[in-house]
Amino acid sequence: PRFKISREYKGKEYSAEARDGAWVRLDNGKKFRSLNQLNSSIAAGAENVWNGSWTYIGKDGLVRSIDMLRKA
């Protein structure tokens, strides 16, 4: 299975998957080389992508911030 992340922005849910070294937005299929590029395609202005906006579902089934991946 591919690694999937999601976030909400202005009341809309966005999701992306890691595929072949890129992030692919699931709503439009566009590819991005980095989390920052992916995030910029959704949210206006500069934003720290590790601030808790992007989440994933852990092996235990709980929703977690992607920031947890940096601390592992």
N, C-alpha and C. Protein backbone atom coordinates (compact mmCIF):
# COMPACT_ATOMS: atom_id res chain seq x y z
N PRO A 1 0.82 -1.20 0.00
CA PRO A 1 0.00 0.00 0.00
C PRO A 1 0.86 1.27 0.00
N ARG A 2 0.36 2.29 -0.61
CA ARG A 2 1.07 3.56 -0.66
C ARG A 2 0.80 4.36 0.61
N PHE A 3 1.75 5.24 0.94
CA PHE A 3 1.61 6.09 2.12
C PHE A 3 0.74 7.28 1.75
N LYS A 4 -0.32 7.51 2.52
CA LYS A 4 -1.30 8.55 2.23
C LYS A 4 -1.34 9.57 3.36
N ILE A 5 -1.40 10.85 2.99
CA ILE A 5 -1.55 11.92 3.97
C ILE A 5 -2.76 12.76 3.57
N SER A 6 -3.28 13.52 4.53
CA SER A 6 -4.42 14.37 4.23
C SER A 6 -4.40 15.60 5.13
N ARG A 7 -5.15 16.61 4.71
CA ARG A 7 -5.31 17.82 5.50
C ARG A 7 -6.60 18.52 5.10
N GLU A 8 -7.07 19.37 5.97
CA GLU A 8 -8.24 20.19 5.67
C GLU A 8 -7.76 21.62 5.48
N TYR A 9 -8.30 22.29 4.48
CA TYR A 9 -7.99 23.69 4.24
C TYR A 9 -9.25 24.40 3.79
N LYS A 10 -9.63 25.42 4.52
CA LYS A 10 -10.84 26.19 4.24
C LYS A 10 -12.07 25.30 4.03
N GLY A 11 -12.20 24.30 4.92
CA GLY A 11 -13.37 23.44 4.91
C GLY A 11 -13.37 22.31 3.90
N LYS A 12 -12.28 22.18 3.14
CA LYS A 12 -12.19 21.11 2.15
C LYS A 12 -11.07 20.14 2.53
N GLU A 13 -11.31 18.86 2.36
CA GLU A 13 -10.32 17.82 2.67
C GLU A 13 -9.48 17.53 1.43
N TYR A 14 -8.17 17.51 1.61
CA TYR A 14 -7.23 17.18 0.53
C TYR A 14 -6.41 15.96 0.95
N SER A 15 -6.11 15.10 -0.02
CA SER A 15 -5.30 13.91 0.24
C SER A 15 -4.23 13.78 -0.83
N ALA A 16 -3.14 13.13 -0.43
CA ALA A 16 -2.05 12.87 -1.37
C ALA A 16 -1.40 11.55 -1.00
N GLU A 17 -0.78 10.92 -1.99
CA GLU A 17 -0.06 9.66 -1.79
C GLU A 17 1.38 9.82 -2.25
N ALA A 18 2.27 9.11 -1.58
CA ALA A 18 3.65 9.04 -2.02
C ALA A 18 3.73 7.98 -3.12
N ARG A 19 4.19 8.41 -4.30
CA ARG A 19 4.33 7.49 -5.44
C ARG A 19 5.61 7.78 -6.19
N ASP A 20 6.45 6.80 -6.32
CA ASP A 20 7.67 6.92 -7.14
C ASP A 20 8.46 8.19 -6.83
N GLY A 21 8.65 8.48 -5.56
CA GLY A 21 9.47 9.62 -5.17
C GLY A 21 8.78 10.97 -5.26
N ALA A 22 7.48 10.98 -5.43
CA ALA A 22 6.74 12.24 -5.51
C ALA A 22 5.46 12.15 -4.70
N TRP A 23 4.89 13.30 -4.40
CA TRP A 23 3.57 13.38 -3.77
C TRP A 23 2.55 13.62 -4.86
N VAL A 24 1.49 12.83 -4.88
CA VAL A 24 0.45 12.95 -5.90
C VAL A 24 -0.86 13.34 -5.21
N ARG A 25 -1.40 14.50 -5.61
CA ARG A 25 -2.70 14.91 -5.08
C ARG A 25 -3.78 14.00 -5.64
N LEU A 26 -4.62 13.47 -4.78
CA LEU A 26 -5.63 12.51 -5.22
C LEU A 26 -6.83 13.18 -5.88
N ASP A 27 -7.02 14.49 -5.66
CA ASP A 27 -8.16 15.17 -6.28
C ASP A 27 -7.90 15.57 -7.73
N ASN A 28 -6.62 15.74 -8.10
CA ASN A 28 -6.34 16.17 -9.47
C ASN A 28 -5.19 15.43 -10.16
N GLY A 29 -4.51 14.53 -9.44
CA GLY A 29 -3.44 13.73 -10.03
C GLY A 29 -2.13 14.45 -10.26
N LYS A 30 -2.02 15.71 -9.85
CA LYS A 30 -0.78 16.47 -10.05
C LYS A 30 0.30 15.97 -9.10
N LYS A 31 1.55 15.95 -9.61
CA LYS A 31 2.69 15.46 -8.84
C LYS A 31 3.55 16.61 -8.34
N PHE A 32 4.12 16.41 -7.14
CA PHE A 32 4.97 17.41 -6.52
C PHE A 32 6.19 16.72 -5.92
N ARG A 33 7.33 17.35 -6.05
CA ARG A 33 8.57 16.75 -5.56
C ARG A 33 8.75 16.83 -4.04
N SER A 34 8.07 17.78 -3.42
CA SER A 34 8.25 17.95 -1.98
C SER A 34 6.92 18.24 -1.29
N LEU A 35 6.92 18.07 0.03
CA LEU A 35 5.75 18.41 0.82
C LEU A 35 5.44 19.90 0.72
N ASN A 36 6.47 20.72 0.68
CA ASN A 36 6.26 22.16 0.56
C ASN A 36 5.56 22.50 -0.74
N GLN A 37 5.97 21.89 -1.84
CA GLN A 37 5.32 22.14 -3.13
C GLN A 37 3.87 21.65 -3.11
N LEU A 38 3.66 20.49 -2.55
CA LEU A 38 2.30 19.95 -2.42
C LEU A 38 1.44 20.91 -1.61
N ASN A 39 1.93 21.33 -0.47
CA ASN A 39 1.16 22.22 0.40
C ASN A 39 0.87 23.56 -0.29
N SER A 40 1.84 24.09 -1.01
CA SER A 40 1.65 25.37 -1.71
C SER A 40 0.59 25.27 -2.79
N SER A 41 0.35 24.08 -3.30
CA SER A 41 -0.68 23.92 -4.32
C SER A 41 -2.09 23.99 -3.71
N ILE A 42 -2.15 23.98 -2.39
CA ILE A 42 -3.44 24.00 -1.69
C ILE A 42 -3.61 25.27 -0.87
N ALA A 43 -2.64 25.56 -0.01
CA ALA A 43 -2.73 26.68 0.92
C ALA A 43 -1.98 27.89 0.38
N ALA A 44 -2.58 29.05 0.48
CA ALA A 44 -1.94 30.28 0.03
C ALA A 44 -0.89 30.73 1.05
N GLY A 45 0.24 31.19 0.55
CA GLY A 45 1.28 31.72 1.42
C GLY A 45 2.17 30.65 2.01
N ALA A 46 3.25 31.11 2.62
CA ALA A 46 4.21 30.20 3.23
C ALA A 46 3.61 29.58 4.50
N GLU A 47 3.89 28.31 4.69
CA GLU A 47 3.36 27.59 5.85
C GLU A 47 4.31 26.45 6.19
N ASN A 48 4.53 26.23 7.46
CA ASN A 48 5.35 25.10 7.91
C ASN A 48 4.54 23.82 7.74
N VAL A 49 4.98 22.94 6.83
CA VAL A 49 4.22 21.72 6.55
C VAL A 49 4.24 20.73 7.72
N TRP A 50 5.13 20.94 8.67
CA TRP A 50 5.23 20.04 9.81
C TRP A 50 4.43 20.54 11.00
N ASN A 51 3.55 21.53 10.80
CA ASN A 51 2.83 22.16 11.90
C ASN A 51 1.63 21.37 12.41
N GLY A 52 1.36 20.24 11.84
CA GLY A 52 0.23 19.44 12.29
C GLY A 52 -0.94 19.44 11.33
N SER A 53 -0.87 20.23 10.27
CA SER A 53 -1.97 20.27 9.30
C SER A 53 -2.09 18.95 8.53
N TRP A 54 -0.95 18.39 8.14
CA TRP A 54 -0.96 17.12 7.40
C TRP A 54 -0.95 15.96 8.37
N THR A 55 -1.83 15.00 8.13
CA THR A 55 -1.94 13.83 9.01
C THR A 55 -1.91 12.54 8.19
N TYR A 56 -1.69 11.46 8.90
CA TYR A 56 -1.75 10.12 8.30
C TYR A 56 -2.38 9.19 9.32
N ILE A 57 -2.76 8.01 8.87
CA ILE A 57 -3.33 7.02 9.78
C ILE A 57 -2.23 6.01 10.10
N GLY A 58 -1.90 5.92 11.38
CA GLY A 58 -0.85 5.03 11.82
C GLY A 58 -1.27 3.56 11.77
N LYS A 59 -0.33 2.68 11.99
CA LYS A 59 -0.61 1.24 11.98
C LYS A 59 -1.65 0.85 13.03
N ASP A 60 -1.75 1.67 14.07
CA ASP A 60 -2.73 1.41 15.13
C ASP A 60 -4.12 1.96 14.79
N GLY A 61 -4.25 2.58 13.59
CA GLY A 61 -5.53 3.10 13.16
C GLY A 61 -5.84 4.52 13.64
N LEU A 62 -4.92 5.11 14.40
CA LEU A 62 -5.12 6.46 14.90
C LEU A 62 -4.58 7.50 13.93
N VAL A 63 -5.26 8.64 13.86
CA VAL A 63 -4.80 9.75 13.03
C VAL A 63 -3.67 10.46 13.76
N ARG A 64 -2.58 10.68 13.04
CA ARG A 64 -1.40 11.30 13.64
C ARG A 64 -0.86 12.40 12.72
N SER A 65 -0.21 13.38 13.31
CA SER A 65 0.45 14.43 12.54
C SER A 65 1.68 13.83 11.86
N ILE A 66 1.99 14.30 10.65
CA ILE A 66 3.21 13.81 10.00
C ILE A 66 4.45 14.24 10.77
N ASP A 67 4.31 15.22 11.65
CA ASP A 67 5.43 15.64 12.50
C ASP A 67 5.93 14.48 13.35
N MET A 68 5.05 13.54 13.67
CA MET A 68 5.44 12.36 14.44
C MET A 68 6.47 11.52 13.71
N LEU A 69 6.48 11.58 12.38
CA LEU A 69 7.44 10.80 11.59
C LEU A 69 8.85 11.34 11.77
N ARG A 70 8.99 12.62 11.99
CA ARG A 70 10.31 13.21 12.19
C ARG A 70 10.88 12.86 13.56
N LYS A 71 10.01 12.56 14.49
CA LYS A 71 10.44 12.28 15.87
C LYS A 71 10.68 10.79 16.11
N ALA A 72 10.34 9.98 15.14
CA ALA A 72 10.45 8.52 15.31
C ALA A 72 11.89 8.06 15.22
